[in-house]
Amino acid sequence: MLVVTSHELQGFTVRRYIGVVTGEAILGANIFRDLFAGIRDIVGGRSAAYEEELRKARDIALAEMSQQAEELGANAVVAVDLDYESIQMGQGGGMLMVSASGTAEEIDRQPR
């Protein structure tokens, strides 16, 4: 499965446009990790724990989107857009959400 953020795959011929496909991932953020991330933000530096959670969520969202495209007969997803959100759940708890969307296409596998 080819997955790209560009609006077309240069050198490939589109056989058919299938439609919009999406994938979402929502992961809980641990309260202790939140606390240490906040301290790190105050003193400077990067929060490796949050970065790892964001990577996991992104990978899950892209995998779900690709699976949906494959189930529809696509072999490529173009114009992929990733959105990141933080959802607050009260009392310091929260969730990280990543959504991926794009256009599923069936393309000729051999470039023109």
N, C-alpha and C. Protein backbone atom coordinates (compact mmCIF):
# COMPACT_ATOMS: atom_id res chain seq x y z
N MET A 1 0.85 -1.18 0.00
CA MET A 1 0.00 0.00 0.00
C MET A 1 0.89 1.23 0.00
N LEU A 2 0.73 2.06 -1.00
CA LEU A 2 1.43 3.35 -1.04
C LEU A 2 0.57 4.36 -0.28
N VAL A 3 1.18 5.08 0.65
CA VAL A 3 0.49 6.09 1.44
C VAL A 3 1.31 7.36 1.36
N VAL A 4 0.71 8.42 0.78
CA VAL A 4 1.45 9.67 0.58
C VAL A 4 0.59 10.87 0.95
N THR A 5 1.27 11.96 1.29
CA THR A 5 0.56 13.19 1.60
C THR A 5 0.30 14.03 0.36
N SER A 6 1.00 13.74 -0.74
CA SER A 6 0.78 14.50 -1.97
C SER A 6 -0.58 14.14 -2.57
N HIS A 7 -1.07 14.98 -3.46
CA HIS A 7 -2.39 14.77 -4.04
C HIS A 7 -2.39 13.83 -5.23
N GLU A 8 -1.21 13.45 -5.69
CA GLU A 8 -1.14 12.49 -6.78
C GLU A 8 0.17 11.73 -6.69
N LEU A 9 0.20 10.58 -7.30
CA LEU A 9 1.41 9.78 -7.36
C LEU A 9 2.02 10.00 -8.73
N GLN A 10 3.05 10.80 -8.76
CA GLN A 10 3.67 11.15 -10.02
C GLN A 10 4.19 9.90 -10.72
N GLY A 11 3.85 9.78 -12.00
CA GLY A 11 4.32 8.66 -12.80
C GLY A 11 3.41 7.45 -12.78
N PHE A 12 2.36 7.46 -11.96
CA PHE A 12 1.42 6.33 -11.90
C PHE A 12 0.08 6.74 -12.51
N THR A 13 -0.60 5.79 -13.10
CA THR A 13 -1.92 6.03 -13.67
C THR A 13 -2.99 5.55 -12.69
N VAL A 14 -3.97 6.42 -12.43
CA VAL A 14 -5.07 6.06 -11.54
C VAL A 14 -6.09 5.28 -12.34
N ARG A 15 -6.37 4.05 -11.90
CA ARG A 15 -7.43 3.25 -12.54
C ARG A 15 -8.81 3.70 -12.08
N ARG A 16 -8.92 3.93 -10.76
CA ARG A 16 -10.19 4.41 -10.23
C ARG A 16 -9.99 5.05 -8.86
N TYR A 17 -10.80 6.05 -8.60
CA TYR A 17 -10.85 6.69 -7.30
C TYR A 17 -11.91 5.95 -6.50
N ILE A 18 -11.56 5.51 -5.31
CA ILE A 18 -12.49 4.72 -4.51
C ILE A 18 -13.25 5.58 -3.51
N GLY A 19 -12.54 6.48 -2.84
CA GLY A 19 -13.21 7.37 -1.90
C GLY A 19 -12.38 7.64 -0.67
N VAL A 20 -12.98 8.35 0.26
CA VAL A 20 -12.29 8.75 1.48
C VAL A 20 -12.19 7.57 2.43
N VAL A 21 -11.01 7.42 3.02
CA VAL A 21 -10.78 6.40 4.05
C VAL A 21 -10.20 7.09 5.28
N THR A 22 -10.48 6.53 6.46
CA THR A 22 -10.04 7.15 7.70
C THR A 22 -9.53 6.10 8.68
N GLY A 23 -8.78 6.57 9.63
CA GLY A 23 -8.34 5.76 10.75
C GLY A 23 -8.17 6.66 11.96
N GLU A 24 -8.51 6.14 13.12
CA GLU A 24 -8.40 6.94 14.34
C GLU A 24 -7.73 6.11 15.43
N ALA A 25 -7.06 6.80 16.33
CA ALA A 25 -6.47 6.17 17.50
C ALA A 25 -6.60 7.13 18.67
N ILE A 26 -7.11 6.62 19.77
CA ILE A 26 -7.20 7.41 21.00
C ILE A 26 -6.49 6.62 22.09
N LEU A 27 -5.47 7.22 22.66
CA LEU A 27 -4.69 6.56 23.70
C LEU A 27 -4.76 7.37 24.98
N GLY A 28 -4.89 6.68 26.10
CA GLY A 28 -4.91 7.34 27.39
C GLY A 28 -3.53 7.83 27.77
N ALA A 29 -3.49 8.97 28.41
CA ALA A 29 -2.23 9.52 28.92
C ALA A 29 -2.18 9.27 30.42
N ASN A 30 -1.16 8.59 30.87
CA ASN A 30 -0.98 8.23 32.27
C ASN A 30 -0.76 9.47 33.13
N ILE A 31 -1.40 9.53 34.29
CA ILE A 31 -1.30 10.73 35.14
C ILE A 31 0.13 10.99 35.61
N PHE A 32 0.90 9.92 35.91
CA PHE A 32 2.29 10.13 36.34
C PHE A 32 3.14 10.62 35.18
N ARG A 33 2.90 10.06 34.01
CA ARG A 33 3.64 10.52 32.83
C ARG A 33 3.29 11.98 32.56
N ASP A 34 2.00 12.34 32.73
CA ASP A 34 1.58 13.74 32.56
C ASP A 34 2.34 14.65 33.52
N LEU A 35 2.45 14.22 34.77
CA LEU A 35 3.13 15.03 35.77
C LEU A 35 4.59 15.25 35.38
N PHE A 36 5.29 14.19 35.01
CA PHE A 36 6.70 14.32 34.65
C PHE A 36 6.87 15.09 33.34
N ALA A 37 5.94 14.94 32.43
CA ALA A 37 6.01 15.71 31.18
C ALA A 37 5.86 17.19 31.49
N GLY A 38 4.96 17.53 32.42
CA GLY A 38 4.78 18.92 32.81
C GLY A 38 6.04 19.50 33.43
N ILE A 39 6.69 18.72 34.29
CA ILE A 39 7.94 19.18 34.91
C ILE A 39 9.00 19.38 33.84
N ARG A 40 9.09 18.45 32.91
CA ARG A 40 10.09 18.56 31.84
C ARG A 40 9.81 19.81 31.00
N ASP A 41 8.52 20.09 30.75
CA ASP A 41 8.17 21.28 29.97
C ASP A 41 8.61 22.55 30.69
N ILE A 42 8.52 22.56 32.01
CA ILE A 42 8.91 23.74 32.79
C ILE A 42 10.42 23.95 32.71
N VAL A 43 11.19 22.87 32.86
CA VAL A 43 12.65 23.00 32.87
C VAL A 43 13.25 22.90 31.48
N GLY A 44 12.44 22.63 30.49
CA GLY A 44 12.94 22.54 29.11
C GLY A 44 13.21 21.10 28.73
N GLY A 45 13.34 20.86 27.45
CA GLY A 45 13.58 19.52 26.97
C GLY A 45 12.37 18.93 26.31
N ARG A 46 12.53 17.70 25.88
CA ARG A 46 11.46 17.01 25.18
C ARG A 46 10.89 15.92 26.07
N SER A 47 9.61 15.65 25.87
CA SER A 47 8.94 14.60 26.63
C SER A 47 8.93 13.33 25.79
N ALA A 48 9.88 12.44 26.06
CA ALA A 48 9.99 11.19 25.30
C ALA A 48 8.74 10.34 25.45
N ALA A 49 8.13 10.35 26.63
CA ALA A 49 6.93 9.54 26.85
C ALA A 49 5.79 9.98 25.94
N TYR A 50 5.56 11.29 25.86
CA TYR A 50 4.50 11.79 24.99
C TYR A 50 4.84 11.56 23.52
N GLU A 51 6.09 11.76 23.17
CA GLU A 51 6.49 11.53 21.77
C GLU A 51 6.24 10.08 21.37
N GLU A 52 6.54 9.14 22.25
CA GLU A 52 6.32 7.72 21.96
C GLU A 52 4.82 7.43 21.82
N GLU A 53 4.00 8.01 22.69
CA GLU A 53 2.55 7.81 22.60
C GLU A 53 2.01 8.38 21.29
N LEU A 54 2.49 9.55 20.89
CA LEU A 54 2.05 10.15 19.62
C LEU A 54 2.46 9.28 18.44
N ARG A 55 3.67 8.72 18.48
CA ARG A 55 4.12 7.82 17.40
C ARG A 55 3.22 6.59 17.32
N LYS A 56 2.92 6.01 18.49
CA LYS A 56 2.05 4.82 18.50
C LYS A 56 0.67 5.15 17.93
N ALA A 57 0.11 6.26 18.38
CA ALA A 57 -1.22 6.66 17.90
C ALA A 57 -1.21 6.91 16.40
N ARG A 58 -0.18 7.60 15.90
CA ARG A 58 -0.08 7.86 14.46
C ARG A 58 0.01 6.57 13.68
N ASP A 59 0.84 5.63 14.14
CA ASP A 59 0.99 4.35 13.45
C ASP A 59 -0.31 3.56 13.42
N ILE A 60 -1.05 3.59 14.52
CA ILE A 60 -2.34 2.90 14.58
C ILE A 60 -3.33 3.53 13.60
N ALA A 61 -3.43 4.85 13.60
CA ALA A 61 -4.37 5.55 12.72
C ALA A 61 -4.04 5.28 11.25
N LEU A 62 -2.75 5.33 10.88
CA LEU A 62 -2.36 5.06 9.49
C LEU A 62 -2.63 3.61 9.11
N ALA A 63 -2.39 2.68 10.03
CA ALA A 63 -2.65 1.27 9.76
C ALA A 63 -4.14 1.01 9.55
N GLU A 64 -4.99 1.61 10.38
CA GLU A 64 -6.44 1.45 10.22
C GLU A 64 -6.91 2.03 8.89
N MET A 65 -6.39 3.21 8.54
CA MET A 65 -6.77 3.84 7.27
C MET A 65 -6.34 2.95 6.09
N SER A 66 -5.13 2.43 6.14
CA SER A 66 -4.62 1.57 5.06
C SER A 66 -5.43 0.29 4.96
N GLN A 67 -5.79 -0.29 6.11
CA GLN A 67 -6.60 -1.52 6.10
C GLN A 67 -7.96 -1.27 5.48
N GLN A 68 -8.58 -0.14 5.82
CA GLN A 68 -9.88 0.20 5.23
C GLN A 68 -9.74 0.34 3.72
N ALA A 69 -8.67 1.00 3.27
CA ALA A 69 -8.45 1.17 1.83
C ALA A 69 -8.26 -0.17 1.14
N GLU A 70 -7.48 -1.05 1.75
CA GLU A 70 -7.24 -2.36 1.17
C GLU A 70 -8.54 -3.17 1.06
N GLU A 71 -9.37 -3.09 2.09
CA GLU A 71 -10.66 -3.80 2.07
C GLU A 71 -11.56 -3.30 0.95
N LEU A 72 -11.38 -2.06 0.52
CA LEU A 72 -12.17 -1.48 -0.57
C LEU A 72 -11.54 -1.73 -1.94
N GLY A 73 -10.38 -2.40 -1.97
CA GLY A 73 -9.74 -2.72 -3.24
C GLY A 73 -8.68 -1.73 -3.68
N ALA A 74 -8.29 -0.82 -2.81
CA ALA A 74 -7.28 0.19 -3.16
C ALA A 74 -5.87 -0.38 -2.96
N ASN A 75 -4.93 0.21 -3.67
CA ASN A 75 -3.52 -0.12 -3.44
C ASN A 75 -2.70 1.15 -3.19
N ALA A 76 -3.42 2.27 -2.98
CA ALA A 76 -2.75 3.53 -2.65
C ALA A 76 -3.73 4.45 -1.92
N VAL A 77 -3.17 5.30 -1.05
CA VAL A 77 -3.96 6.34 -0.41
C VAL A 77 -3.18 7.64 -0.60
N VAL A 78 -3.84 8.62 -1.20
CA VAL A 78 -3.18 9.90 -1.47
C VAL A 78 -3.84 11.01 -0.65
N ALA A 79 -3.19 12.16 -0.63
CA ALA A 79 -3.69 13.35 0.07
C ALA A 79 -3.96 13.04 1.55
N VAL A 80 -3.07 12.28 2.16
CA VAL A 80 -3.25 11.89 3.56
C VAL A 80 -3.05 13.10 4.46
N ASP A 81 -3.96 13.26 5.40
CA ASP A 81 -3.91 14.34 6.37
C ASP A 81 -3.92 13.72 7.76
N LEU A 82 -3.03 14.17 8.63
CA LEU A 82 -2.98 13.72 10.01
C LEU A 82 -3.39 14.86 10.92
N ASP A 83 -4.28 14.57 11.86
CA ASP A 83 -4.72 15.56 12.84
C ASP A 83 -4.45 15.02 14.24
N TYR A 84 -3.97 15.89 15.12
CA TYR A 84 -3.65 15.54 16.50
C TYR A 84 -4.51 16.35 17.44
N GLU A 85 -5.06 15.70 18.46
CA GLU A 85 -5.88 16.39 19.45
C GLU A 85 -5.55 15.86 20.84
N SER A 86 -5.73 16.72 21.82
CA SER A 86 -5.61 16.34 23.22
C SER A 86 -7.00 16.49 23.82
N ILE A 87 -7.50 15.44 24.44
CA ILE A 87 -8.83 15.46 25.02
C ILE A 87 -8.67 15.42 26.54
N GLN A 88 -9.18 16.44 27.22
CA GLN A 88 -9.10 16.48 28.68
C GLN A 88 -10.28 15.75 29.28
N MET A 89 -10.00 14.90 30.27
CA MET A 89 -11.04 14.06 30.87
C MET A 89 -11.32 14.45 32.33
N GLY A 90 -10.93 15.61 32.76
CA GLY A 90 -11.18 16.04 34.13
C GLY A 90 -10.17 15.45 35.11
N GLN A 91 -9.96 16.12 36.23
CA GLN A 91 -9.04 15.67 37.29
C GLN A 91 -7.65 15.33 36.76
N GLY A 92 -7.18 16.05 35.74
CA GLY A 92 -5.82 15.87 35.24
C GLY A 92 -5.64 14.74 34.25
N GLY A 93 -6.68 13.97 34.03
CA GLY A 93 -6.58 12.87 33.07
C GLY A 93 -6.79 13.38 31.66
N GLY A 94 -6.30 12.64 30.70
CA GLY A 94 -6.50 13.07 29.32
C GLY A 94 -6.24 11.95 28.35
N MET A 95 -6.55 12.21 27.12
CA MET A 95 -6.37 11.25 26.05
C MET A 95 -5.69 11.96 24.89
N LEU A 96 -4.93 11.20 24.12
CA LEU A 96 -4.32 11.70 22.90
C LEU A 96 -5.06 11.07 21.73
N MET A 97 -5.46 11.89 20.76
CA MET A 97 -6.18 11.38 19.61
C MET A 97 -5.44 11.77 18.33
N VAL A 98 -5.29 10.80 17.46
CA VAL A 98 -4.72 11.04 16.14
C VAL A 98 -5.70 10.48 15.13
N SER A 99 -6.03 11.28 14.12
CA SER A 99 -6.89 10.79 13.03
C SER A 99 -6.15 10.97 11.71
N ALA A 100 -6.33 9.99 10.85
CA ALA A 100 -5.72 10.02 9.51
C ALA A 100 -6.83 9.88 8.49
N SER A 101 -6.76 10.65 7.42
CA SER A 101 -7.74 10.52 6.34
C SER A 101 -7.04 10.75 5.01
N GLY A 102 -7.59 10.14 3.98
CA GLY A 102 -7.02 10.29 2.65
C GLY A 102 -7.97 9.73 1.61
N THR A 103 -7.56 9.77 0.36
CA THR A 103 -8.36 9.26 -0.74
C THR A 103 -7.78 7.93 -1.21
N ALA A 104 -8.60 6.89 -1.13
CA ALA A 104 -8.19 5.57 -1.59
C ALA A 104 -8.29 5.50 -3.11
N GLU A 105 -7.25 4.93 -3.73
CA GLU A 105 -7.21 4.80 -5.18
C GLU A 105 -6.70 3.42 -5.57
N GLU A 106 -7.10 3.01 -6.74
CA GLU A 106 -6.48 1.85 -7.36
C GLU A 106 -5.60 2.40 -8.48
N ILE A 107 -4.32 2.11 -8.40
CA ILE A 107 -3.36 2.63 -9.39
C ILE A 107 -2.71 1.47 -10.12
N ASP A 108 -2.18 1.76 -11.32
CA ASP A 108 -1.32 0.80 -12.00
C ASP A 108 -0.03 0.73 -11.22
N ARG A 109 0.43 -0.49 -10.92
CA ARG A 109 1.63 -0.65 -10.10
C ARG A 109 2.91 -0.30 -10.86
N GLN A 110 2.86 -0.30 -12.15
CA GLN A 110 4.02 0.06 -12.96
C GLN A 110 3.94 1.54 -13.30
N PRO A 111 4.98 2.30 -12.97
CA PRO A 111 4.96 3.73 -13.35
C PRO A 111 4.89 3.90 -14.86
N ARG A 112 4.30 5.02 -15.30
CA ARG A 112 4.22 5.29 -16.74
C ARG A 112 5.59 5.61 -17.27
